[in-house]
């Protein structure tokens, strides 16, 4: 279980680590559908497809009404989000994933602003995220597996493996 009490939104992450944030947004922007992991009632993982949006300094998760992933997040807000790696094995820009907590937004103005920008099918669930970890994994010089790991309140740690 994640015991890190510090959370942060997308804007705070981009301010702290602009280069890594740009790479992560590019990876998510390369494809429409990504993989979201949530926790079922019994604690086992559930993975499902999802579209994400980076708008107004937030990472948003929008979902169909009463979808299982939305019900999972209402019960337990912890999630992991994996960017679609694309076709083949090239992994241009590396593999990226975001972990955190998602909180449903009921505020009518916020939902209206999101709907105006995204035009989701109505009705929908909308979740705002707080990040607990961002990880990028890539191959450098065809020799090293490089991991960049960011957690709130810490600088990016870079690990290289051969």
N, C-alpha and C. Protein backbone atom coordinates (compact mmCIF):
# COMPACT_ATOMS: atom_id res chain seq x y z
N UNK A 1 0.84 -1.19 0.00
CA UNK A 1 0.00 0.00 0.00
C UNK A 1 0.88 1.25 0.00
N UNK A 2 0.49 2.26 -0.77
CA UNK A 2 1.23 3.50 -0.85
C UNK A 2 1.04 4.28 0.44
N UNK A 3 2.14 4.56 1.13
CA UNK A 3 2.04 5.30 2.38
C UNK A 3 2.51 6.73 2.23
N UNK A 4 2.87 7.15 1.01
CA UNK A 4 3.31 8.51 0.78
C UNK A 4 2.13 9.47 0.91
N UNK A 5 2.13 10.32 1.95
CA UNK A 5 0.99 11.21 2.16
C UNK A 5 0.99 12.42 1.24
N UNK A 6 2.09 12.67 0.52
CA UNK A 6 2.20 13.83 -0.35
C UNK A 6 1.62 13.50 -1.72
N UNK A 7 0.68 14.29 -2.17
CA UNK A 7 0.10 14.15 -3.50
C UNK A 7 0.24 15.48 -4.22
N UNK A 8 0.09 15.43 -5.52
CA UNK A 8 0.18 16.66 -6.29
C UNK A 8 -0.56 16.52 -7.60
N UNK A 9 -0.98 17.63 -8.18
CA UNK A 9 -1.68 17.57 -9.46
C UNK A 9 -0.68 17.66 -10.62
N UNK A 10 -1.20 17.60 -11.84
CA UNK A 10 -0.33 17.60 -13.02
C UNK A 10 0.45 18.90 -13.14
N UNK A 11 -0.16 20.02 -12.84
CA UNK A 11 0.52 21.31 -12.94
C UNK A 11 1.73 21.38 -12.03
N UNK A 12 1.60 20.89 -10.82
CA UNK A 12 2.74 20.90 -9.89
C UNK A 12 3.86 20.00 -10.41
N UNK A 13 3.50 18.86 -11.01
CA UNK A 13 4.51 17.97 -11.59
C UNK A 13 5.23 18.66 -12.75
N UNK A 14 4.47 19.31 -13.65
CA UNK A 14 5.11 19.96 -14.80
C UNK A 14 6.00 21.12 -14.36
N UNK A 15 5.62 21.79 -13.28
CA UNK A 15 6.47 22.87 -12.75
C UNK A 15 7.75 22.31 -12.17
N UNK A 16 7.65 21.18 -11.49
CA UNK A 16 8.82 20.57 -10.85
C UNK A 16 9.73 19.88 -11.85
N UNK A 17 9.16 19.22 -12.85
CA UNK A 17 9.95 18.41 -13.80
C UNK A 17 9.44 18.62 -15.23
N UNK A 18 9.67 19.82 -15.81
CA UNK A 18 9.08 20.12 -17.12
C UNK A 18 9.52 19.19 -18.25
N UNK A 19 10.77 18.77 -18.29
CA UNK A 19 11.23 17.89 -19.37
C UNK A 19 10.55 16.53 -19.32
N UNK A 20 10.51 15.93 -18.15
CA UNK A 20 9.87 14.63 -18.00
C UNK A 20 8.37 14.75 -18.27
N UNK A 21 7.75 15.81 -17.78
CA UNK A 21 6.31 16.01 -18.02
C UNK A 21 6.02 16.13 -19.51
N UNK A 22 6.86 16.83 -20.24
CA UNK A 22 6.66 16.98 -21.69
C UNK A 22 6.75 15.62 -22.38
N UNK A 23 7.72 14.81 -22.01
CA UNK A 23 7.86 13.48 -22.58
C UNK A 23 6.65 12.62 -22.27
N UNK A 24 6.17 12.68 -21.03
CA UNK A 24 5.01 11.88 -20.63
C UNK A 24 3.78 12.32 -21.43
N UNK A 25 3.56 13.61 -21.54
CA UNK A 25 2.40 14.09 -22.33
C UNK A 25 2.50 13.67 -23.79
N UNK A 26 3.71 13.72 -24.35
CA UNK A 26 3.89 13.29 -25.74
C UNK A 26 3.56 11.81 -25.91
N UNK A 27 3.97 10.98 -24.95
CA UNK A 27 3.69 9.54 -25.03
C UNK A 27 2.19 9.30 -24.95
N UNK A 28 1.51 9.98 -24.05
CA UNK A 28 0.05 9.82 -23.95
C UNK A 28 -0.64 10.43 -25.16
N UNK A 29 -0.08 11.47 -25.73
CA UNK A 29 -0.67 12.11 -26.88
C UNK A 29 -0.50 11.33 -28.19
N UNK A 30 0.42 10.39 -28.21
CA UNK A 30 0.70 9.62 -29.43
C UNK A 30 -0.44 8.68 -29.80
N UNK A 31 -1.24 8.29 -28.82
CA UNK A 31 -2.36 7.36 -29.05
C UNK A 31 -3.55 7.81 -28.22
N UNK A 32 -4.72 7.38 -28.63
CA UNK A 32 -5.95 7.79 -27.95
C UNK A 32 -6.23 6.93 -26.73
N UNK A 33 -6.07 5.62 -26.83
CA UNK A 33 -6.45 4.71 -25.76
C UNK A 33 -5.24 4.21 -24.97
N UNK A 34 -5.43 4.16 -23.65
CA UNK A 34 -4.37 3.74 -22.74
C UNK A 34 -4.95 2.71 -21.78
N UNK A 35 -4.14 2.23 -20.84
CA UNK A 35 -4.60 1.20 -19.91
C UNK A 35 -4.62 1.74 -18.49
N UNK A 36 -5.79 1.64 -17.88
CA UNK A 36 -5.99 2.06 -16.49
C UNK A 36 -6.12 0.83 -15.62
N UNK A 37 -5.41 0.83 -14.50
CA UNK A 37 -5.55 -0.23 -13.50
C UNK A 37 -6.21 0.37 -12.27
N UNK A 38 -7.26 -0.31 -11.81
CA UNK A 38 -7.98 0.07 -10.59
C UNK A 38 -8.05 -1.17 -9.71
N UNK A 39 -8.65 -1.01 -8.54
CA UNK A 39 -8.78 -2.13 -7.61
C UNK A 39 -10.24 -2.52 -7.45
N UNK A 40 -10.52 -3.81 -7.64
CA UNK A 40 -11.87 -4.35 -7.46
C UNK A 40 -12.21 -4.39 -5.97
N UNK A 41 -13.47 -4.72 -5.68
CA UNK A 41 -13.92 -4.84 -4.28
C UNK A 41 -13.05 -5.79 -3.48
N UNK A 42 -12.63 -6.91 -4.11
CA UNK A 42 -11.83 -7.91 -3.39
C UNK A 42 -10.35 -7.56 -3.35
N UNK A 43 -9.96 -6.40 -3.91
CA UNK A 43 -8.57 -5.97 -3.89
C UNK A 43 -7.74 -6.41 -5.08
N UNK A 44 -8.31 -7.25 -5.93
CA UNK A 44 -7.56 -7.69 -7.11
C UNK A 44 -7.57 -6.57 -8.16
N UNK A 45 -6.58 -6.57 -9.05
CA UNK A 45 -6.51 -5.50 -10.05
C UNK A 45 -7.52 -5.69 -11.18
N UNK A 46 -7.95 -4.55 -11.72
CA UNK A 46 -8.80 -4.54 -12.92
C UNK A 46 -8.10 -3.61 -13.91
N UNK A 47 -7.88 -4.07 -15.14
CA UNK A 47 -7.32 -3.20 -16.17
C UNK A 47 -8.37 -2.98 -17.25
N UNK A 48 -8.46 -1.74 -17.70
CA UNK A 48 -9.43 -1.37 -18.72
C UNK A 48 -8.84 -0.27 -19.59
N UNK A 49 -9.40 -0.12 -20.78
CA UNK A 49 -8.99 0.95 -21.67
C UNK A 49 -9.57 2.28 -21.22
N UNK A 50 -8.87 3.35 -21.59
CA UNK A 50 -9.31 4.68 -21.15
C UNK A 50 -8.65 5.76 -22.00
N UNK A 51 -9.37 6.84 -22.23
CA UNK A 51 -8.80 8.05 -22.82
C UNK A 51 -8.51 9.01 -21.67
N UNK A 52 -7.41 9.75 -21.78
CA UNK A 52 -7.04 10.72 -20.75
C UNK A 52 -6.90 12.09 -21.37
N UNK A 53 -6.99 13.12 -20.55
CA UNK A 53 -6.82 14.50 -21.02
C UNK A 53 -5.96 15.27 -20.03
N UNK A 54 -5.07 16.07 -20.59
CA UNK A 54 -4.29 17.01 -19.81
C UNK A 54 -4.87 18.38 -20.12
N UNK A 55 -5.61 18.96 -19.19
CA UNK A 55 -6.27 20.25 -19.39
C UNK A 55 -6.17 21.10 -18.13
N UNK A 56 -5.85 22.36 -18.34
CA UNK A 56 -5.87 23.34 -17.24
C UNK A 56 -5.07 22.87 -16.02
N UNK A 57 -3.90 22.29 -16.27
CA UNK A 57 -3.03 21.89 -15.17
C UNK A 57 -3.43 20.62 -14.45
N UNK A 58 -4.38 19.89 -15.02
CA UNK A 58 -4.84 18.65 -14.40
C UNK A 58 -4.77 17.50 -15.37
N UNK A 59 -4.61 16.30 -14.84
CA UNK A 59 -4.77 15.06 -15.60
C UNK A 59 -6.16 14.55 -15.26
N UNK A 60 -7.03 14.47 -16.29
CA UNK A 60 -8.43 14.10 -16.11
C UNK A 60 -8.69 12.70 -16.63
N UNK A 61 -9.53 11.98 -15.94
CA UNK A 61 -10.00 10.67 -16.38
C UNK A 61 -11.51 10.77 -16.53
N UNK A 62 -12.00 10.60 -17.74
CA UNK A 62 -13.43 10.62 -18.00
C UNK A 62 -13.92 9.22 -18.30
N UNK A 63 -15.12 8.87 -17.81
CA UNK A 63 -15.63 7.50 -17.94
C UNK A 63 -17.12 7.48 -18.18
N UNK A 64 -17.57 6.39 -18.79
CA UNK A 64 -18.99 6.19 -19.01
C UNK A 64 -19.70 6.02 -17.67
N UNK A 65 -21.00 6.34 -17.61
CA UNK A 65 -21.73 6.24 -16.35
C UNK A 65 -21.76 4.80 -15.83
N UNK A 66 -21.49 4.69 -14.55
CA UNK A 66 -21.53 3.41 -13.83
C UNK A 66 -20.59 2.35 -14.42
N UNK A 67 -19.54 2.78 -15.10
CA UNK A 67 -18.54 1.81 -15.57
C UNK A 67 -17.86 1.21 -14.34
N UNK A 68 -17.38 -0.01 -14.48
CA UNK A 68 -16.75 -0.69 -13.35
C UNK A 68 -15.52 0.08 -12.86
N UNK A 69 -14.75 0.66 -13.78
CA UNK A 69 -13.57 1.41 -13.36
C UNK A 69 -13.97 2.64 -12.54
N UNK A 70 -15.08 3.31 -12.91
CA UNK A 70 -15.55 4.45 -12.13
C UNK A 70 -16.00 4.01 -10.75
N UNK A 71 -16.71 2.91 -10.68
CA UNK A 71 -17.16 2.39 -9.38
C UNK A 71 -15.97 1.97 -8.53
N UNK A 72 -14.95 1.38 -9.17
CA UNK A 72 -13.73 1.02 -8.45
C UNK A 72 -13.10 2.27 -7.83
N UNK A 73 -12.96 3.35 -8.62
CA UNK A 73 -12.31 4.56 -8.14
C UNK A 73 -13.13 5.26 -7.07
N UNK A 74 -14.43 5.17 -7.13
CA UNK A 74 -15.26 5.73 -6.06
C UNK A 74 -14.98 5.02 -4.73
N UNK A 75 -14.77 3.72 -4.82
CA UNK A 75 -14.54 2.91 -3.63
C UNK A 75 -13.11 3.04 -3.12
N UNK A 76 -12.14 3.04 -4.04
CA UNK A 76 -10.72 3.12 -3.69
C UNK A 76 -10.06 3.97 -4.77
N UNK A 77 -9.61 5.17 -4.46
CA UNK A 77 -9.15 6.09 -5.50
C UNK A 77 -7.79 5.76 -6.12
N UNK A 78 -7.10 4.74 -5.64
CA UNK A 78 -5.77 4.43 -6.19
C UNK A 78 -5.86 3.89 -7.61
N UNK A 79 -4.94 4.35 -8.46
CA UNK A 79 -4.91 3.89 -9.85
C UNK A 79 -3.48 3.86 -10.36
N UNK A 80 -3.30 3.14 -11.46
CA UNK A 80 -2.07 3.20 -12.26
C UNK A 80 -2.52 3.34 -13.70
N UNK A 81 -1.81 4.16 -14.45
CA UNK A 81 -2.17 4.46 -15.82
C UNK A 81 -0.95 4.24 -16.70
N UNK A 82 -1.09 3.37 -17.69
CA UNK A 82 0.01 3.00 -18.59
C UNK A 82 -0.27 3.59 -19.97
N UNK A 83 0.69 4.34 -20.52
CA UNK A 83 0.52 4.88 -21.87
C UNK A 83 0.58 3.75 -22.89
N UNK A 84 -0.25 3.86 -23.90
CA UNK A 84 -0.27 2.90 -24.99
C UNK A 84 1.11 2.89 -25.65
N UNK A 85 1.77 1.73 -25.72
CA UNK A 85 3.12 1.69 -26.29
C UNK A 85 3.13 1.80 -27.81
N UNK A 86 2.00 1.61 -28.45
CA UNK A 86 1.95 1.68 -29.91
C UNK A 86 2.30 0.37 -30.55
N UNK A 87 2.31 0.37 -31.87
CA UNK A 87 2.60 -0.85 -32.63
C UNK A 87 4.09 -1.17 -32.58
N UNK A 88 4.39 -2.44 -32.71
CA UNK A 88 5.79 -2.86 -32.77
C UNK A 88 6.49 -2.78 -31.43
N UNK A 89 7.81 -2.71 -31.51
CA UNK A 89 8.62 -2.71 -30.29
C UNK A 89 9.48 -1.46 -30.16
N UNK A 90 9.23 -0.46 -30.99
CA UNK A 90 10.06 0.74 -30.99
C UNK A 90 9.98 1.56 -29.72
N UNK A 91 8.81 1.66 -29.13
CA UNK A 91 8.60 2.41 -27.89
C UNK A 91 9.19 3.82 -27.96
N UNK A 92 9.00 4.49 -29.10
CA UNK A 92 9.52 5.84 -29.25
C UNK A 92 9.17 6.71 -28.05
N UNK A 93 10.16 7.29 -27.42
CA UNK A 93 9.93 8.12 -26.24
C UNK A 93 9.88 7.33 -24.95
N UNK A 94 9.92 6.01 -25.05
CA UNK A 94 9.92 5.18 -23.85
C UNK A 94 8.53 4.80 -23.37
N UNK A 95 8.52 4.00 -22.36
CA UNK A 95 7.31 3.51 -21.71
C UNK A 95 7.04 4.44 -20.54
N UNK A 96 5.81 4.94 -20.41
CA UNK A 96 5.50 5.82 -19.29
C UNK A 96 4.26 5.35 -18.55
N UNK A 97 4.30 5.57 -17.24
CA UNK A 97 3.14 5.23 -16.41
C UNK A 97 3.04 6.23 -15.26
N UNK A 98 1.81 6.41 -14.85
CA UNK A 98 1.48 7.37 -13.79
C UNK A 98 0.68 6.63 -12.73
N UNK A 99 1.03 6.84 -11.48
CA UNK A 99 0.24 6.28 -10.38
C UNK A 99 -0.27 7.43 -9.53
N UNK A 100 -1.38 7.19 -8.87
CA UNK A 100 -1.92 8.23 -8.02
C UNK A 100 -3.28 7.87 -7.47
N UNK A 101 -4.03 8.92 -7.18
CA UNK A 101 -5.39 8.79 -6.67
C UNK A 101 -6.31 9.64 -7.53
N UNK A 102 -7.50 9.15 -7.78
CA UNK A 102 -8.47 9.87 -8.62
C UNK A 102 -9.69 10.21 -7.78
N UNK A 103 -10.14 11.45 -7.90
CA UNK A 103 -11.26 11.94 -7.11
C UNK A 103 -12.35 12.46 -8.03
N UNK A 104 -13.56 11.95 -7.84
CA UNK A 104 -14.66 12.33 -8.72
C UNK A 104 -15.02 13.80 -8.53
N UNK A 105 -15.29 14.46 -9.64
CA UNK A 105 -15.63 15.88 -9.64
C UNK A 105 -17.13 16.02 -9.88
N UNK A 106 -17.81 16.67 -8.93
CA UNK A 106 -19.24 16.92 -9.04
C UNK A 106 -19.55 18.38 -9.35
N UNK A 107 -18.55 19.25 -9.24
CA UNK A 107 -18.74 20.67 -9.46
C UNK A 107 -19.24 20.94 -10.88
N UNK A 108 -20.40 21.55 -10.99
CA UNK A 108 -21.05 21.76 -12.30
C UNK A 108 -20.21 22.62 -13.24
N UNK A 109 -19.56 23.65 -12.73
CA UNK A 109 -18.75 24.52 -13.59
C UNK A 109 -17.55 23.77 -14.16
N UNK A 110 -16.89 23.00 -13.32
CA UNK A 110 -15.73 22.21 -13.77
C UNK A 110 -16.15 21.19 -14.81
N UNK A 111 -17.23 20.50 -14.53
CA UNK A 111 -17.73 19.48 -15.47
C UNK A 111 -18.14 20.12 -16.80
N UNK A 112 -18.76 21.28 -16.74
CA UNK A 112 -19.18 21.99 -17.94
C UNK A 112 -17.98 22.42 -18.77
N UNK A 113 -16.97 22.95 -18.10
CA UNK A 113 -15.75 23.37 -18.79
C UNK A 113 -15.07 22.18 -19.47
N UNK A 114 -15.00 21.06 -18.76
CA UNK A 114 -14.41 19.84 -19.33
C UNK A 114 -15.24 19.38 -20.53
N UNK A 115 -16.55 19.33 -20.39
CA UNK A 115 -17.43 18.87 -21.46
C UNK A 115 -17.33 19.77 -22.70
N UNK A 116 -17.19 21.06 -22.48
CA UNK A 116 -17.06 21.99 -23.60
C UNK A 116 -15.79 21.71 -24.39
N UNK A 117 -14.71 21.41 -23.68
CA UNK A 117 -13.42 21.15 -24.33
C UNK A 117 -13.34 19.77 -24.97
N UNK A 118 -13.83 18.74 -24.25
CA UNK A 118 -13.64 17.35 -24.67
C UNK A 118 -14.82 16.78 -25.46
N UNK A 119 -16.01 17.29 -25.18
CA UNK A 119 -17.25 16.80 -25.80
C UNK A 119 -17.46 15.30 -25.58
N UNK A 120 -17.45 14.86 -24.32
CA UNK A 120 -17.69 13.44 -24.04
C UNK A 120 -19.17 13.11 -24.21
N UNK A 121 -19.48 11.84 -24.42
CA UNK A 121 -20.89 11.46 -24.42
C UNK A 121 -21.48 11.68 -23.03
N UNK A 122 -22.69 12.19 -22.98
CA UNK A 122 -23.35 12.45 -21.69
C UNK A 122 -24.23 11.27 -21.33
N UNK A 123 -24.40 10.98 -20.08
CA UNK A 123 -23.69 11.50 -18.92
C UNK A 123 -22.31 10.85 -18.82
N UNK A 124 -21.49 11.34 -17.91
CA UNK A 124 -20.14 10.79 -17.73
C UNK A 124 -19.65 11.03 -16.31
N UNK A 125 -18.69 10.21 -15.90
CA UNK A 125 -17.97 10.42 -14.65
C UNK A 125 -16.72 11.21 -15.00
N UNK A 126 -16.31 12.12 -14.12
CA UNK A 126 -15.09 12.88 -14.31
C UNK A 126 -14.26 12.80 -13.03
N UNK A 127 -13.00 12.40 -13.19
CA UNK A 127 -12.09 12.27 -12.06
C UNK A 127 -10.88 13.17 -12.26
N UNK A 128 -10.54 13.91 -11.22
CA UNK A 128 -9.32 14.71 -11.16
C UNK A 128 -8.27 13.85 -10.46
N UNK A 129 -7.02 13.94 -10.87
CA UNK A 129 -6.00 13.06 -10.30
C UNK A 129 -5.00 13.82 -9.44
N UNK A 130 -4.49 13.12 -8.47
CA UNK A 130 -3.36 13.54 -7.65
C UNK A 130 -2.29 12.47 -7.87
N UNK A 131 -1.10 12.89 -8.26
CA UNK A 131 -0.04 11.96 -8.62
C UNK A 131 0.78 11.52 -7.40
N UNK A 132 1.13 10.25 -7.39
CA UNK A 132 2.03 9.73 -6.36
C UNK A 132 3.34 9.23 -6.97
N UNK A 133 3.34 8.99 -8.31
CA UNK A 133 4.56 8.54 -8.97
C UNK A 133 4.40 8.66 -10.48
N UNK A 134 5.47 9.06 -11.15
CA UNK A 134 5.54 9.05 -12.61
C UNK A 134 6.84 8.34 -12.97
N UNK A 135 6.75 7.37 -13.89
CA UNK A 135 7.92 6.58 -14.28
C UNK A 135 8.04 6.54 -15.79
N UNK A 136 9.24 6.77 -16.27
CA UNK A 136 9.56 6.59 -17.70
C UNK A 136 10.67 5.55 -17.78
N UNK A 137 10.51 4.58 -18.67
CA UNK A 137 11.51 3.56 -18.91
C UNK A 137 11.86 3.59 -20.39
N UNK A 138 13.15 3.62 -20.69
CA UNK A 138 13.58 3.63 -22.10
C UNK A 138 14.96 3.01 -22.23
N UNK A 139 15.34 2.73 -23.47
CA UNK A 139 16.64 2.15 -23.76
C UNK A 139 17.55 3.26 -24.27
N UNK A 140 18.76 3.32 -23.72
CA UNK A 140 19.73 4.33 -24.11
C UNK A 140 20.93 3.66 -24.76
N UNK A 141 21.31 4.15 -25.92
CA UNK A 141 22.48 3.65 -26.66
C UNK A 141 22.44 2.15 -26.90
N UNK A 142 21.25 1.59 -26.99
CA UNK A 142 21.06 0.15 -27.20
C UNK A 142 21.81 -0.69 -26.17
N UNK A 143 22.14 -0.08 -25.02
CA UNK A 143 22.91 -0.75 -23.99
C UNK A 143 22.23 -0.73 -22.63
N UNK A 144 21.70 0.43 -22.27
CA UNK A 144 21.17 0.63 -20.93
C UNK A 144 19.65 0.70 -20.92
N UNK A 145 19.08 0.07 -19.92
CA UNK A 145 17.68 0.28 -19.61
C UNK A 145 17.67 1.40 -18.57
N UNK A 146 17.02 2.50 -18.90
CA UNK A 146 17.03 3.67 -18.03
C UNK A 146 15.64 3.86 -17.45
N UNK A 147 15.58 4.07 -16.15
CA UNK A 147 14.33 4.38 -15.46
C UNK A 147 14.45 5.76 -14.85
N UNK A 148 13.47 6.61 -15.15
CA UNK A 148 13.35 7.90 -14.50
C UNK A 148 12.13 7.80 -13.58
N UNK A 149 12.34 8.06 -12.31
CA UNK A 149 11.26 7.91 -11.33
C UNK A 149 11.09 9.23 -10.59
N UNK A 150 9.85 9.74 -10.61
CA UNK A 150 9.54 10.97 -9.89
C UNK A 150 8.44 10.68 -8.87
N UNK A 151 8.64 11.23 -7.68
CA UNK A 151 7.62 11.20 -6.63
C UNK A 151 7.49 12.62 -6.08
N UNK A 152 6.29 13.00 -5.64
CA UNK A 152 6.09 14.36 -5.13
C UNK A 152 7.10 14.73 -4.05
N UNK A 153 7.64 15.94 -4.17
CA UNK A 153 8.57 16.44 -3.18
C UNK A 153 9.99 15.93 -3.36
N UNK A 154 10.23 15.13 -4.40
CA UNK A 154 11.57 14.59 -4.65
C UNK A 154 12.00 14.92 -6.07
N UNK A 155 13.32 15.04 -6.30
CA UNK A 155 13.77 15.20 -7.68
C UNK A 155 13.66 13.86 -8.42
N UNK A 156 13.73 13.92 -9.73
CA UNK A 156 13.71 12.69 -10.52
C UNK A 156 14.95 11.87 -10.19
N UNK A 157 14.74 10.58 -9.94
CA UNK A 157 15.86 9.64 -9.77
C UNK A 157 16.04 8.92 -11.10
N UNK A 158 17.27 8.82 -11.56
CA UNK A 158 17.56 8.09 -12.80
C UNK A 158 18.40 6.88 -12.47
N UNK A 159 17.89 5.71 -12.89
CA UNK A 159 18.58 4.44 -12.66
C UNK A 159 18.92 3.84 -14.01
N UNK A 160 20.16 3.32 -14.15
CA UNK A 160 20.57 2.68 -15.40
C UNK A 160 20.95 1.24 -15.10
N UNK A 161 20.48 0.36 -15.97
CA UNK A 161 20.82 -1.06 -15.85
C UNK A 161 21.35 -1.55 -17.18
N UNK A 162 22.29 -2.47 -17.13
CA UNK A 162 22.80 -3.05 -18.38
C UNK A 162 22.17 -4.39 -18.63
